[in-house]
Amino acid sequence: MFFIDNLAFTEALLFFAAALLTYVGLTTWWAMRQNEPDKVQASLKGAALPIGAVGFTAVTLGLWEEMVWPYPSVMGQYDIMFNDVTLIFGIVLIALAATAYLGLRLQYVGVLAFMAGVVTLLYGWTAYGYGYTKEPFQMLLLYAGFSMAGILSLPATIITDYYLGTVAKSPTAWRTTAPATSRLARFGTRGVQGFSGGSRPEGSGSTLRYRVPMYLHIILLLFPVFMALAGVAAWGYLGTTVPAHLKSPP
C-alpha cells in the first residue's frame, strides 16, 4: 500500500519553529534587560518574515493533511496528534508574524497562543495516557514544551506590550525617586543602584532608572526555556523518524 508520510517533515518544521522562537525570545529579553526598546522592536520585526514563512508552511501542510489523511489506519492516532496541532501552531505563527511586523499589540496573539497551548496540552496528555507513541518521554516533552510556551506567551506578550507602550515612551515610567536623608531610603537607593547598573544618586535626592523587575525577567525567560525543551524533543523525534523512514524494507 502506497501512502505519503509527512511525519518527519512535520517534526522538522516544529524543530525549526522552536529554534526560531527560542532565539527571538532570548534576543527580545536581552534587549529589554539592556533597556533598549529599539532593539526589542527590531528583534520582533526582524523575526516576522521567518516566523511567517514557517507559519504559512505549517498551515498549508496542516490543511492538506486534515483533508487527505495520508497516514494508514495503523497510524491513525498520528493524524490527530500531529495534524491538528500543526495547523493550530501555524495559525498562531502567522498571527504573530503579522503583529510583529506591523508593530501591533502582541498580547492578543498571546491570548491565541495561550488557548493553543491549553489545547496542545490536552492532546499531549491524552495521547500519553493512551500510549499512542513508541517514544512516550519525547512525546510528553514535545507537547509539554510547546503547550507551556504557548501558555507563557500571554504574560510574556503583556510585559512586552507594557514595556514598548509605556516604559520605552515615558520619561517617568518605572523610575523611582529616593531622598538620601533617610536610612531606609538610602538602603532602597542602593538596591535600585545595584539593579540599574550601579548609577549613583546626585544631591539629596535623585531619579534613577528602574529596570525591568527580576520576577518579570523570570517570566520572560520561561518562554524560551520551554520552547527550547520542545525543540530538543522535536529533534529527538526527528532522529527516530528519519532512520525508520529511510531504512530499506526487509
Protein backbone atom coordinates (compact mmCIF):
# COMPACT_ATOMS: atom_id res chain seq x y z
CA MET A 1 0.00 0.00 0.00
CA PHE A 2 1.44 3.38 -1.07
CA PHE A 3 0.97 6.39 1.12
CA ILE A 4 2.57 9.81 1.64
CA ASP A 5 4.07 10.25 5.08
CA ASN A 6 4.92 13.81 6.10
CA LEU A 7 5.56 12.94 9.73
CA ALA A 8 9.32 13.60 9.53
CA PHE A 9 8.79 16.91 7.74
CA THR A 10 6.21 17.95 10.34
CA GLU A 11 8.69 17.20 13.12
CA ALA A 12 11.39 19.15 11.27
CA LEU A 13 9.01 22.09 10.93
CA LEU A 14 8.33 22.02 14.66
CA PHE A 15 12.07 21.96 15.29
CA PHE A 16 12.61 24.99 13.02
CA ALA A 17 9.84 26.90 14.77
CA ALA A 18 11.14 26.02 18.25
CA ALA A 19 14.68 27.13 17.39
CA LEU A 20 13.45 30.38 15.85
CA LEU A 21 11.10 31.29 18.69
CA THR A 22 13.73 30.42 21.29
CA TYR A 23 16.16 32.82 19.63
CA VAL A 24 13.54 35.57 19.32
CA GLY A 25 12.57 35.15 22.96
CA LEU A 26 16.18 35.40 24.13
CA THR A 27 17.08 38.41 21.96
CA THR A 28 13.94 40.26 23.00
CA TRP A 29 14.59 39.55 26.66
CA TRP A 30 18.21 40.67 26.37
CA ALA A 31 17.20 43.95 24.71
CA MET A 32 14.68 44.61 27.49
CA ARG A 33 17.32 43.80 30.08
CA GLN A 34 19.57 46.41 28.49
CA ASN A 35 16.70 48.93 28.36
CA GLU A 36 16.91 49.23 24.58
CA PRO A 37 13.35 49.41 23.20
CA ASP A 38 14.58 49.97 19.64
CA LYS A 39 16.34 46.61 19.73
CA VAL A 40 13.21 44.98 21.16
CA GLN A 41 11.20 46.23 18.20
CA ALA A 42 13.98 45.31 15.76
CA SER A 43 14.14 41.77 17.14
CA LEU A 44 10.40 41.28 16.77
CA LYS A 45 10.14 42.86 13.33
CA GLY A 46 13.22 41.08 12.03
CA ALA A 47 11.76 37.71 13.04
CA ALA A 48 8.42 38.37 11.33
CA LEU A 49 9.44 37.05 7.90
CA PRO A 50 10.92 33.69 9.01
CA ILE A 51 8.14 33.18 11.54
CA GLY A 52 5.56 33.90 8.84
CA ALA A 53 7.29 31.52 6.43
CA VAL A 54 7.23 28.67 8.95
CA GLY A 55 3.65 29.50 9.90
CA PHE A 56 2.46 29.55 6.29
CA THR A 57 4.13 26.20 5.65
CA ALA A 58 2.60 24.72 8.79
CA VAL A 59 -0.90 25.93 7.86
CA THR A 60 -0.58 24.64 4.31
CA LEU A 61 0.70 21.27 5.50
CA GLY A 62 -1.87 21.06 8.27
CA LEU A 63 -4.79 21.83 5.97
CA TRP A 64 -3.63 19.32 3.38
CA GLU A 65 -3.13 16.59 5.98
CA GLU A 66 -6.50 17.30 7.57
CA MET A 67 -8.22 16.83 4.20
CA VAL A 68 -6.39 13.81 2.80
CA TRP A 69 -5.41 11.90 5.95
CA PRO A 70 -2.22 10.49 4.41
CA TYR A 71 -1.30 8.06 7.17
CA PRO A 72 -2.56 4.47 7.10
CA SER A 73 -5.08 3.22 9.63
CA VAL A 74 -2.41 1.68 11.84
CA MET A 75 -1.05 5.23 12.37
CA GLY A 76 -4.41 6.90 12.67
CA GLN A 77 -3.62 8.46 16.02
CA TYR A 78 -0.79 10.43 14.44
CA ASP A 79 -3.27 12.24 12.20
CA ILE A 80 -4.94 13.77 15.24
CA MET A 81 -1.76 14.17 17.28
CA PHE A 82 0.28 15.98 14.64
CA ASN A 83 -2.09 17.38 12.00
CA ASP A 84 -4.41 19.26 14.35
CA VAL A 85 -1.59 20.73 16.38
CA THR A 86 0.43 21.64 13.28
CA LEU A 87 -2.49 23.61 11.85
CA ILE A 88 -3.17 25.40 15.15
CA PHE A 89 0.50 26.17 15.59
CA GLY A 90 0.75 27.59 12.06
CA ILE A 91 -2.19 29.91 12.65
CA VAL A 92 -0.55 31.29 15.78
CA LEU A 93 2.76 31.81 13.94
CA ILE A 94 1.13 33.72 11.08
CA ALA A 95 -0.73 35.95 13.55
CA LEU A 96 2.50 36.56 15.47
CA ALA A 97 4.43 37.40 12.29
CA ALA A 98 1.83 39.92 11.12
CA THR A 99 1.56 41.52 14.56
CA ALA A 100 5.33 41.81 15.00
CA TYR A 101 5.86 43.27 11.53
CA LEU A 102 3.08 45.84 11.86
CA GLY A 103 4.07 46.79 15.41
CA LEU A 104 0.67 45.98 16.88
CA ARG A 105 -0.08 44.89 20.43
CA LEU A 106 1.27 41.41 21.00
CA GLN A 107 -0.99 40.37 23.85
CA TYR A 108 -3.89 39.47 21.56
CA VAL A 109 -1.66 36.94 19.85
CA GLY A 110 -0.68 35.93 23.38
CA VAL A 111 -4.31 35.07 24.11
CA LEU A 112 -4.45 32.99 20.94
CA ALA A 113 -1.18 31.26 21.84
CA PHE A 114 -2.44 30.65 25.38
CA MET A 115 -5.53 28.84 24.10
CA ALA A 116 -3.42 26.90 21.59
CA GLY A 117 -1.16 25.86 24.46
CA VAL A 118 -4.10 24.62 26.51
CA VAL A 119 -5.39 22.59 23.55
CA THR A 120 -1.92 21.19 22.86
CA LEU A 121 -1.58 20.16 26.49
CA LEU A 122 -4.88 18.27 26.25
CA TYR A 123 -3.75 16.48 23.07
CA GLY A 124 -0.39 15.56 24.51
CA TRP A 125 -1.69 14.36 27.87
CA THR A 126 -4.43 12.29 26.25
CA ALA A 127 -2.00 10.71 23.77
CA TYR A 128 0.47 9.97 26.56
CA GLY A 129 -2.23 8.44 28.73
CA TYR A 130 -3.43 6.15 25.94
CA GLY A 131 0.11 5.20 24.94
CA TYR A 132 -0.20 6.49 21.37
CA THR A 133 3.54 6.55 20.81
CA LYS A 134 6.64 4.39 20.98
CA GLU A 135 8.59 7.33 22.44
CA PRO A 136 6.45 8.41 25.41
CA PHE A 137 9.06 10.65 27.05
CA GLN A 138 9.91 12.52 23.85
CA MET A 139 6.24 12.93 23.03
CA LEU A 140 5.43 14.25 26.51
CA LEU A 141 8.39 16.66 26.38
CA LEU A 142 7.37 17.86 22.92
CA TYR A 143 3.77 18.61 23.83
CA ALA A 144 4.59 19.92 27.30
CA GLY A 145 7.23 22.27 25.88
CA PHE A 146 5.01 23.73 23.17
CA SER A 147 1.95 23.92 25.42
CA MET A 148 3.77 25.65 28.30
CA ALA A 149 5.48 28.04 25.88
CA GLY A 150 2.06 28.88 24.44
CA ILE A 151 0.57 29.42 27.89
CA LEU A 152 3.51 31.60 28.94
CA SER A 153 3.14 33.65 25.75
CA LEU A 154 0.26 35.56 27.33
CA PRO A 155 2.16 37.09 30.28
CA ALA A 156 5.29 37.49 28.12
CA THR A 157 3.42 39.49 25.46
CA ILE A 158 1.63 41.60 28.09
CA ILE A 159 5.01 42.50 29.63
CA THR A 160 6.46 43.31 26.22
CA ASP A 161 3.46 45.47 25.29
CA TYR A 162 3.75 47.38 28.55
CA TYR A 163 7.47 47.90 28.06
CA LEU A 164 7.11 49.15 24.49
CA GLY A 165 3.93 51.15 25.07
CA THR A 166 4.72 52.72 28.43
CA VAL A 167 8.25 52.30 29.71
CA ALA A 168 10.01 52.93 26.41
CA LYS A 169 7.95 56.05 25.63
CA SER A 170 7.57 57.74 29.00
CA PRO A 171 10.44 59.58 30.73
CA THR A 172 8.95 58.80 34.15
CA ALA A 173 7.68 55.23 33.78
CA TRP A 174 9.34 52.67 36.00
CA ARG A 175 11.51 55.25 37.75
CA THR A 176 11.85 55.92 41.44
CA THR A 177 12.91 58.97 43.47
CA ALA A 178 14.75 58.22 46.70
CA PRO A 179 15.93 61.03 49.02
CA ALA A 180 19.31 60.34 50.63
CA THR A 181 18.33 61.62 54.09
CA SER A 182 16.58 58.52 55.39
CA ARG A 183 18.42 55.31 56.26
CA LEU A 184 15.58 53.30 54.75
CA ALA A 185 15.67 55.47 51.63
CA ARG A 186 19.44 55.10 51.35
CA PHE A 187 19.01 51.32 51.58
CA GLY A 188 16.38 51.46 48.85
CA THR A 189 18.62 53.66 46.74
CA ARG A 190 21.46 51.18 47.00
CA GLY A 191 19.06 48.41 45.95
CA VAL A 192 17.98 50.32 42.88
CA GLN A 193 21.61 51.17 42.13
CA GLY A 194 22.53 47.51 42.06
CA PHE A 195 19.59 46.67 39.87
CA SER A 196 20.12 49.53 37.42
CA GLY A 197 23.78 49.00 36.71
CA GLY A 198 25.38 50.93 39.56
CA SER A 199 24.30 54.52 38.78
CA ARG A 200 24.93 56.89 41.70
CA PRO A 201 22.39 59.33 43.16
CA GLU A 202 23.22 63.02 42.91
CA GLY A 203 22.44 65.56 45.61
CA SER A 204 19.95 64.94 48.38
CA GLY A 205 17.63 63.06 46.03
CA SER A 206 17.81 61.55 42.60
CA THR A 207 15.66 59.99 39.94
CA LEU A 208 17.05 56.58 38.99
CA ARG A 209 16.21 54.42 36.04
CA TYR A 210 14.32 51.36 37.26
CA ARG A 211 14.99 48.33 35.11
CA VAL A 212 12.55 45.51 34.46
CA PRO A 213 11.94 43.73 37.80
CA MET A 214 13.56 40.37 38.31
CA TYR A 215 10.29 38.44 38.53
CA LEU A 216 9.33 39.76 35.09
CA HIS A 217 12.71 38.66 33.75
CA ILE A 218 11.95 35.17 35.03
CA ILE A 219 8.55 35.13 33.30
CA LEU A 220 10.10 36.34 30.06
CA LEU A 221 12.84 33.72 30.21
CA LEU A 222 10.46 30.83 30.88
CA PHE A 223 9.06 31.17 27.37
CA PRO A 224 12.34 30.45 25.50
CA VAL A 225 13.27 27.79 28.07
CA PHE A 226 10.13 25.75 27.39
CA MET A 227 10.41 26.44 23.66
CA ALA A 228 13.96 25.12 23.72
CA LEU A 229 12.77 21.96 25.51
CA ALA A 230 10.17 21.49 22.78
CA GLY A 231 12.90 21.89 20.17
CA VAL A 232 15.03 19.23 21.86
CA ALA A 233 12.04 16.87 21.87
CA ALA A 234 11.27 17.61 18.21
CA TRP A 235 14.89 16.88 17.33
CA GLY A 236 14.71 13.60 19.25
CA TYR A 237 11.53 12.62 17.43
CA LEU A 238 13.15 13.53 14.11
CA GLY A 239 16.20 11.45 14.95
CA THR A 240 13.93 8.46 15.44
CA THR A 241 11.61 9.02 12.48
CA VAL A 242 14.14 9.73 9.71
CA PRO A 243 16.16 6.50 10.13
CA ALA A 244 12.93 4.47 10.33
CA HIS A 245 11.68 6.03 7.08
CA LEU A 246 14.98 5.67 5.23
CA LYS A 247 15.65 2.13 6.30
CA SER A 248 15.45 -0.32 3.45
CA PRO A 249 12.48 -2.70 3.63
CA PRO A 250 13.32 -6.31 4.50
